[in-house]
């Protein structure tokens, strides 16, 4: 029995920023180097604004320090999860949501493990995993008895976004190129949300966005690139 009415959201958007942990963003937390030295927080404009209208989890630890492992922990809640565990039946949040009639949509930029991609009804991902040779493709999986059908209009929105992706990374300035890569992912997600609100307000969905430029820049440019 509910003591008070619960305002349960019809849909949700999960934003994953590879390489940017919560201590760099949340005012309650402080980032530290491996030797314990405090680090400067990230200078951000958009994420603090987004968080004002969002649910925040202050304590979420993924002991897996590589992308595939960390994302597997995120979608299963199992600290030892890997891509194989994700592929098991009823192992992920996507499996649960499908049973409840949710559409699972993803914008993955530099991609993700095959098992997480397979959980989506429709997904945009960078086939080349390269900012310099970006190739965004649209993948749609056949709906099962549990999965709702993907609206044709949504597919059109995502196809148009895939075609526009190369135009976001044309700058010769490296920092701008990385910024454009993430901007494509976030703007694409915004267009998906707008489409669903206007055209399919009755359809529940989970939109997962993985923006990978922060992580990629850190790998290739060290701390100068963050």
C-alpha atoms as a PDB file:
ATOM      1  CA  UNK A   1       0.000   0.000   0.000  1.00  0.00           C
ATOM      2  CA  UNK A   2       1.260   3.488  -0.867  1.00  0.00           C
ATOM      3  CA  UNK A   3       1.133   6.017   1.951  1.00  0.00           C
ATOM      4  CA  UNK A   4       1.286   8.877  -0.556  1.00  0.00           C
ATOM      5  CA  UNK A   5       0.752   9.115  -4.324  1.00  0.00           C
ATOM      6  CA  UNK A   6       3.960   8.444  -6.274  1.00  0.00           C
ATOM      7  CA  UNK A   7       4.651  10.484  -9.388  1.00  0.00           C
ATOM      8  CA  UNK A   8       6.214   7.707 -11.457  1.00  0.00           C
ATOM      9  CA  UNK A   9       7.785   9.026 -14.676  1.00  0.00           C
ATOM     10  CA  UNK A  10       6.444   7.599 -17.908  1.00  0.00           C
ATOM     11  CA  UNK A  11       9.923   7.451 -19.417  1.00  0.00           C
ATOM     12  CA  UNK A  12      13.554   8.114 -18.515  1.00  0.00           C
ATOM     13  CA  UNK A  13      16.819   9.229 -20.080  1.00  0.00           C
ATOM     14  CA  UNK A  14      20.136   7.842 -18.809  1.00  0.00           C
ATOM     15  CA  UNK A  15      23.192   9.915 -19.748  1.00  0.00           C
ATOM     16  CA  UNK A  16      26.531   8.087 -19.508  1.00  0.00           C
ATOM     17  CA  UNK A  17      29.631  10.283 -19.855  1.00  0.00           C
ATOM     18  CA  UNK A  18      32.597   7.934 -20.141  1.00  0.00           C
ATOM     19  CA  UNK A  19      35.654   9.291 -18.344  1.00  0.00           C
ATOM     20  CA  UNK A  20      33.799  11.849 -16.210  1.00  0.00           C
ATOM     21  CA  UNK A  21      32.957  10.520 -12.757  1.00  0.00           C
ATOM     22  CA  UNK A  22      30.464  12.016 -10.313  1.00  0.00           C
ATOM     23  CA  UNK A  23      33.083  13.730  -8.044  1.00  0.00           C
ATOM     24  CA  UNK A  24      34.001  16.013 -10.952  1.00  0.00           C
ATOM     25  CA  UNK A  25      30.348  17.122 -11.221  1.00  0.00           C
ATOM     26  CA  UNK A  26      28.480  16.841  -7.926  1.00  0.00           C
ATOM     27  CA  UNK A  27      29.017  19.720  -5.457  1.00  0.00           C
ATOM     28  CA  UNK A  28      28.888  17.258  -2.514  1.00  0.00           C
ATOM     29  CA  UNK A  29      31.894  15.270  -3.754  1.00  0.00           C
ATOM     30  CA  UNK A  30      35.586  15.990  -4.377  1.00  0.00           C
ATOM     31  CA  UNK A  31      37.706  14.248  -7.041  1.00  0.00           C
ATOM     32  CA  UNK A  32      41.071  12.831  -5.968  1.00  0.00           C
ATOM     33  CA  UNK A  33      44.156  11.547  -7.740  1.00  0.00           C
ATOM     34  CA  UNK A  34      45.456   8.037  -7.014  1.00  0.00           C
ATOM     35  CA  UNK A  35      47.779   9.461  -4.334  1.00  0.00           C
ATOM     36  CA  UNK A  36      44.868  11.199  -2.596  1.00  0.00           C
ATOM     37  CA  UNK A  37      45.599  14.701  -3.864  1.00  0.00           C
ATOM     38  CA  UNK A  38      42.392  16.718  -4.464  1.00  0.00           C
ATOM     39  CA  UNK A  39      41.757  17.573  -8.105  1.00  0.00           C
ATOM     40  CA  UNK A  40      39.976  20.494  -9.718  1.00  0.00           C
ATOM     41  CA  UNK A  41      36.332  19.951 -10.562  1.00  0.00           C
ATOM     42  CA  UNK A  42      35.163  20.114 -14.165  1.00  0.00           C
ATOM     43  CA  UNK A  43      33.956  23.462 -15.492  1.00  0.00           C
ATOM     44  CA  UNK A  44      30.460  22.653 -16.723  1.00  0.00           C
ATOM     45  CA  UNK A  45      27.416  24.577 -17.888  1.00  0.00           C
ATOM     46  CA  UNK A  46      24.846  22.135 -19.236  1.00  0.00           C
ATOM     47  CA  UNK A  47      25.076  19.150 -16.866  1.00  0.00           C
ATOM     48  CA  UNK A  48      24.330  21.176 -13.683  1.00  0.00           C
ATOM     49  CA  UNK A  49      21.256  22.596 -15.409  1.00  0.00           C
ATOM     50  CA  UNK A  50      20.122  19.136 -16.493  1.00  0.00           C
ATOM     51  CA  UNK A  51      20.643  17.736 -12.986  1.00  0.00           C
ATOM     52  CA  UNK A  52      18.247  20.270 -11.474  1.00  0.00           C
ATOM     53  CA  UNK A  53      15.382  18.370 -13.089  1.00  0.00           C
ATOM     54  CA  UNK A  54      16.897  14.913 -12.721  1.00  0.00           C
ATOM     55  CA  UNK A  55      17.289  12.104 -10.215  1.00  0.00           C
ATOM     56  CA  UNK A  56      20.829  11.832  -8.861  1.00  0.00           C
ATOM     57  CA  UNK A  57      22.552   8.847  -7.277  1.00  0.00           C
ATOM     58  CA  UNK A  58      25.403  10.043  -5.055  1.00  0.00           C
ATOM     59  CA  UNK A  59      26.926   6.637  -4.364  1.00  0.00           C
ATOM     60  CA  UNK A  60      27.224   4.211  -7.257  1.00  0.00           C
ATOM     61  CA  UNK A  61      30.455   2.251  -7.527  1.00  0.00           C
ATOM     62  CA  UNK A  62      31.436   0.131 -10.516  1.00  0.00           C
ATOM     63  CA  UNK A  63      34.635  -1.772  -9.612  1.00  0.00           C
ATOM     64  CA  UNK A  64      35.169  -2.542 -13.295  1.00  0.00           C
ATOM     65  CA  UNK A  65      37.434   0.230 -14.611  1.00  0.00           C
ATOM     66  CA  UNK A  66      36.980  -0.434 -18.338  1.00  0.00           C
ATOM     67  CA  UNK A  67      33.971   0.632 -20.397  1.00  0.00           C
ATOM     68  CA  UNK A  68      32.441  -2.776 -21.072  1.00  0.00           C
ATOM     69  CA  UNK A  69      32.675  -3.849 -17.437  1.00  0.00           C
ATOM     70  CA  UNK A  70      31.460  -0.548 -16.021  1.00  0.00           C
ATOM     71  CA  UNK A  71      28.458  -0.449 -18.300  1.00  0.00           C
ATOM     72  CA  UNK A  72      27.653  -4.084 -17.514  1.00  0.00           C
ATOM     73  CA  UNK A  73      27.578  -3.232 -13.806  1.00  0.00           C
ATOM     74  CA  UNK A  74      25.370  -0.224 -14.535  1.00  0.00           C
ATOM     75  CA  UNK A  75      22.677  -2.173 -16.404  1.00  0.00           C
ATOM     76  CA  UNK A  76      22.672  -5.277 -14.165  1.00  0.00           C
ATOM     77  CA  UNK A  77      23.499  -3.958 -10.694  1.00  0.00           C
ATOM     78  CA  UNK A  78      25.990  -6.811 -10.331  1.00  0.00           C
ATOM     79  CA  UNK A  79      29.516  -5.565  -9.374  1.00  0.00           C
ATOM     80  CA  UNK A  80      31.109  -8.502 -11.172  1.00  0.00           C
ATOM     81  CA  UNK A  81      29.080  -8.255 -14.357  1.00  0.00           C
ATOM     82  CA  UNK A  82      30.550  -8.574 -17.834  1.00  0.00           C
ATOM     83  CA  UNK A  83      29.124  -8.700 -21.359  1.00  0.00           C
ATOM     84  CA  UNK A  84      28.352 -12.417 -21.036  1.00  0.00           C
ATOM     85  CA  UNK A  85      26.216 -11.871 -17.935  1.00  0.00           C
ATOM     86  CA  UNK A  86      24.380  -9.032 -19.701  1.00  0.00           C
ATOM     87  CA  UNK A  87      23.339 -11.469 -22.426  1.00  0.00           C
ATOM     88  CA  UNK A  88      21.536 -13.777 -19.954  1.00  0.00           C
ATOM     89  CA  UNK A  89      17.754 -13.690 -19.850  1.00  0.00           C
ATOM     90  CA  UNK A  90      16.283 -11.239 -17.317  1.00  0.00           C
ATOM     91  CA  UNK A  91      19.752 -10.031 -16.295  1.00  0.00           C
ATOM     92  CA  UNK A  92      19.372  -6.341 -17.127  1.00  0.00           C
ATOM     93  CA  UNK A  93      17.120  -3.371 -16.565  1.00  0.00           C
ATOM     94  CA  UNK A  94      16.238  -3.564 -20.272  1.00  0.00           C
ATOM     95  CA  UNK A  95      14.733  -7.031 -19.811  1.00  0.00           C
ATOM     96  CA  UNK A  96      12.567  -5.786 -16.959  1.00  0.00           C
ATOM     97  CA  UNK A  97      11.422  -2.707 -18.855  1.00  0.00           C
ATOM     98  CA  UNK A  98      10.522  -4.730 -21.938  1.00  0.00           C
ATOM     99  CA  UNK A  99       8.153  -6.800 -19.814  1.00  0.00           C
ATOM    100  CA  UNK A 100       6.508  -3.548 -18.720  1.00  0.00           C
ATOM    101  CA  UNK A 101       5.993  -2.383 -22.304  1.00  0.00           C
ATOM    102  CA  UNK A 102       8.911   0.039 -22.523  1.00  0.00           C
ATOM    103  CA  UNK A 103      10.742   0.821 -25.752  1.00  0.00           C
ATOM    104  CA  UNK A 104      14.536   0.715 -25.311  1.00  0.00           C
ATOM    105  CA  UNK A 105      16.365   3.296 -27.416  1.00  0.00           C
ATOM    106  CA  UNK A 106      20.105   4.047 -27.421  1.00  0.00           C
ATOM    107  CA  UNK A 107      22.575   6.563 -28.815  1.00  0.00           C
ATOM    108  CA  UNK A 108      25.974   5.030 -28.187  1.00  0.00           C
ATOM    109  CA  UNK A 109      28.474   7.167 -30.159  1.00  0.00           C
ATOM    110  CA  UNK A 110      31.688   5.158 -29.836  1.00  0.00           C
ATOM    111  CA  UNK A 111      29.652   2.041 -29.336  1.00  0.00           C
ATOM    112  CA  UNK A 112      29.295  -0.396 -26.508  1.00  0.00           C
ATOM    113  CA  UNK A 113      29.520  -4.131 -25.935  1.00  0.00           C
ATOM    114  CA  UNK A 114      27.576  -6.363 -28.300  1.00  0.00           C
ATOM    115  CA  UNK A 115      25.372  -7.622 -25.480  1.00  0.00           C
ATOM    116  CA  UNK A 116      24.162  -4.161 -24.458  1.00  0.00           C
ATOM    117  CA  UNK A 117      23.534  -3.246 -28.100  1.00  0.00           C
ATOM    118  CA  UNK A 118      21.464  -6.408 -28.487  1.00  0.00           C
ATOM    119  CA  UNK A 119      19.196  -5.317 -25.625  1.00  0.00           C
ATOM    120  CA  UNK A 120      18.009  -2.237 -27.517  1.00  0.00           C
ATOM    121  CA  UNK A 121      14.977  -2.064 -29.795  1.00  0.00           C
ATOM    122  CA  UNK A 122      16.722   0.585 -31.882  1.00  0.00           C
ATOM    123  CA  UNK A 123      20.202   2.054 -31.564  1.00  0.00           C
ATOM    124  CA  UNK A 124      22.534   4.562 -33.217  1.00  0.00           C
ATOM    125  CA  UNK A 125      26.223   3.738 -32.853  1.00  0.00           C
ATOM    126  CA  UNK A 126      29.562   4.637 -34.376  1.00  0.00           C
ATOM    127  CA  UNK A 127      30.568   1.570 -36.377  1.00  0.00           C
ATOM    128  CA  UNK A 128      34.182   2.745 -36.719  1.00  0.00           C
ATOM    129  CA  UNK A 129      34.632   3.821 -33.092  1.00  0.00           C
ATOM    130  CA  UNK A 130      36.536   6.804 -34.469  1.00  0.00           C
ATOM    131  CA  UNK A 131      36.009  10.539 -34.230  1.00  0.00           C
ATOM    132  CA  UNK A 132      38.175  11.046 -37.323  1.00  0.00           C
ATOM    133  CA  UNK A 133      36.335   8.415 -39.381  1.00  0.00           C
ATOM    134  CA  UNK A 134      32.892   8.665 -37.844  1.00  0.00           C
ATOM    135  CA  UNK A 135      30.277   6.338 -39.331  1.00  0.00           C
ATOM    136  CA  UNK A 136      26.995   6.307 -37.433  1.00  0.00           C
ATOM    137  CA  UNK A 137      24.730   3.397 -38.281  1.00  0.00           C
ATOM    138  CA  UNK A 138      21.165   2.622 -37.268  1.00  0.00           C
ATOM    139  CA  UNK A 139      20.391  -0.868 -35.981  1.00  0.00           C
ATOM    140  CA  UNK A 140      16.864  -2.090 -35.331  1.00  0.00           C
ATOM    141  CA  UNK A 141      16.038  -5.411 -33.740  1.00  0.00           C
ATOM    142  CA  UNK A 142      12.944  -7.398 -34.563  1.00  0.00           C
ATOM    143  CA  UNK A 143      10.291  -6.871 -31.882  1.00  0.00           C
ATOM    144  CA  UNK A 144       9.421  -9.906 -29.797  1.00  0.00           C
ATOM    145  CA  UNK A 145       6.173 -10.551 -27.968  1.00  0.00           C
ATOM    146  CA  UNK A 146       7.519  -8.420 -25.090  1.00  0.00           C
ATOM    147  CA  UNK A 147       9.041  -5.597 -27.124  1.00  0.00           C
ATOM    148  CA  UNK A 148       6.885  -2.785 -28.526  1.00  0.00           C
ATOM    149  CA  UNK A 149       7.203  -1.843 -32.189  1.00  0.00           C
ATOM    150  CA  UNK A 150       9.531   1.058 -33.003  1.00  0.00           C
ATOM    151  CA  UNK A 151       7.603   3.991 -34.556  1.00  0.00           C
ATOM    152  CA  UNK A 152       8.490   4.758 -38.179  1.00  0.00           C
ATOM    153  CA  UNK A 153       8.784   8.447 -37.351  1.00  0.00           C
ATOM    154  CA  UNK A 154      11.386   7.705 -34.688  1.00  0.00           C
ATOM    155  CA  UNK A 155      13.423   5.710 -37.189  1.00  0.00           C
ATOM    156  CA  UNK A 156      13.335   8.688 -39.540  1.00  0.00           C
ATOM    157  CA  UNK A 157      14.551  11.045 -36.796  1.00  0.00           C
ATOM    158  CA  UNK A 158      17.431   8.694 -36.000  1.00  0.00           C
ATOM    159  CA  UNK A 159      18.351   8.146 -39.663  1.00  0.00           C
ATOM    160  CA  UNK A 160      18.530  11.893 -40.198  1.00  0.00           C
ATOM    161  CA  UNK A 161      20.743  12.231 -37.127  1.00  0.00           C
ATOM    162  CA  UNK A 162      23.094   9.535 -38.450  1.00  0.00           C
ATOM    163  CA  UNK A 163      23.452  11.409 -41.764  1.00  0.00           C
ATOM    164  CA  UNK A 164      24.272  14.668 -39.979  1.00  0.00           C
ATOM    165  CA  UNK A 165      26.925  13.201 -37.660  1.00  0.00           C
ATOM    166  CA  UNK A 166      30.011  13.806 -39.866  1.00  0.00           C
ATOM    167  CA  UNK A 167      29.184  17.516 -39.981  1.00  0.00           C
ATOM    168  CA  UNK A 168      29.750  17.789 -36.222  1.00  0.00           C
ATOM    169  CA  UNK A 169      33.428  16.799 -36.384  1.00  0.00           C
ATOM    170  CA  UNK A 170      34.761  18.833 -39.303  1.00  0.00           C
ATOM    171  CA  UNK A 171      36.759  21.314 -37.197  1.00  0.00           C
ATOM    172  CA  UNK A 172      40.537  21.199 -37.567  1.00  0.00           C
ATOM    173  CA  UNK A 173      40.884  22.197 -33.910  1.00  0.00           C
ATOM    174  CA  UNK A 174      41.098  18.978 -31.907  1.00  0.00           C
ATOM    175  CA  UNK A 175      39.186  20.222 -28.865  1.00  0.00           C
ATOM    176  CA  UNK A 176      36.323  21.420 -31.050  1.00  0.00           C
ATOM    177  CA  UNK A 177      36.202  18.076 -32.821  1.00  0.00           C
ATOM    178  CA  UNK A 178      35.804  16.180 -29.552  1.00  0.00           C
ATOM    179  CA  UNK A 179      33.216  18.686 -28.361  1.00  0.00           C
ATOM    180  CA  UNK A 180      31.272  18.314 -31.598  1.00  0.00           C
ATOM    181  CA  UNK A 181      31.248  14.537 -31.239  1.00  0.00           C
ATOM    182  CA  UNK A 182      29.490  14.727 -27.884  1.00  0.00           C
ATOM    183  CA  UNK A 183      27.253  17.566 -29.034  1.00  0.00           C
ATOM    184  CA  UNK A 184      25.938  15.292 -31.783  1.00  0.00           C
ATOM    185  CA  UNK A 185      24.998  12.625 -29.225  1.00  0.00           C
ATOM    186  CA  UNK A 186      23.245  15.026 -26.867  1.00  0.00           C
ATOM    187  CA  UNK A 187      21.386  16.920 -29.604  1.00  0.00           C
ATOM    188  CA  UNK A 188      20.286  13.632 -31.172  1.00  0.00           C
ATOM    189  CA  UNK A 189      18.930  12.512 -27.808  1.00  0.00           C
ATOM    190  CA  UNK A 190      17.042  15.809 -27.436  1.00  0.00           C
ATOM    191  CA  UNK A 191      15.441  15.311 -30.853  1.00  0.00           C
ATOM    192  CA  UNK A 192      14.378  11.785 -29.889  1.00  0.00           C
ATOM    193  CA  UNK A 193      12.781  13.049 -26.670  1.00  0.00           C
ATOM    194  CA  UNK A 194      10.956  15.809 -28.567  1.00  0.00           C
ATOM    195  CA  UNK A 195       9.654  13.346 -31.146  1.00  0.00           C
ATOM    196  CA  UNK A 196       8.363  10.908 -28.526  1.00  0.00           C
ATOM    197  CA  UNK A 197       6.689  13.700 -26.525  1.00  0.00           C
ATOM    198  CA  UNK A 198       4.918  15.119 -29.552  1.00  0.00           C
ATOM    199  CA  UNK A 199       4.031  11.985 -31.466  1.00  0.00           C
ATOM    200  CA  UNK A 200       4.033   9.029 -29.050  1.00  0.00           C
ATOM    201  CA  UNK A 201       3.275  10.431 -25.592  1.00  0.00           C
ATOM    202  CA  UNK A 202       1.580   7.189 -24.572  1.00  0.00           C
ATOM    203  CA  UNK A 203       4.668   5.055 -25.310  1.00  0.00           C
ATOM    204  CA  UNK A 204       6.928   4.442 -22.299  1.00  0.00           C
ATOM    205  CA  UNK A 205      10.633   4.334 -23.137  1.00  0.00           C
ATOM    206  CA  UNK A 206      14.179   4.299 -21.779  1.00  0.00           C
ATOM    207  CA  UNK A 207      16.709   6.319 -23.776  1.00  0.00           C
ATOM    208  CA  UNK A 208      20.349   5.489 -23.014  1.00  0.00           C
ATOM    209  CA  UNK A 209      23.014   7.920 -24.225  1.00  0.00           C
ATOM    210  CA  UNK A 210      26.707   7.113 -24.085  1.00  0.00           C
ATOM    211  CA  UNK A 211      28.857  10.101 -25.016  1.00  0.00           C
ATOM    212  CA  UNK A 212      32.455   8.995 -25.395  1.00  0.00           C
ATOM    213  CA  UNK A 213      34.539  12.040 -26.324  1.00  0.00           C
ATOM    214  CA  UNK A 214      35.734  12.800 -22.775  1.00  0.00           C
ATOM    215  CA  UNK A 215      37.056   9.264 -22.367  1.00  0.00           C
ATOM    216  CA  UNK A 216      38.548   9.190 -25.865  1.00  0.00           C
ATOM    217  CA  UNK A 217      40.235  12.568 -25.422  1.00  0.00           C
ATOM    218  CA  UNK A 218      41.738  11.440 -22.122  1.00  0.00           C
ATOM    219  CA  UNK A 219      43.154   8.291 -23.726  1.00  0.00           C
ATOM    220  CA  UNK A 220      44.722  10.114 -26.663  1.00  0.00           C
ATOM    221  CA  UNK A 221      45.601  13.504 -25.158  1.00  0.00           C
ATOM    222  CA  UNK A 222      46.163  12.721 -21.465  1.00  0.00           C
ATOM    223  CA  UNK A 223      45.030  15.370 -18.974  1.00  0.00           C
ATOM    224  CA  UNK A 224      45.567  18.137 -21.550  1.00  0.00           C
ATOM    225  CA  UNK A 225      42.650  16.840 -23.551  1.00  0.00           C
ATOM    226  CA  UNK A 226      39.998  16.735 -20.846  1.00  0.00           C
END
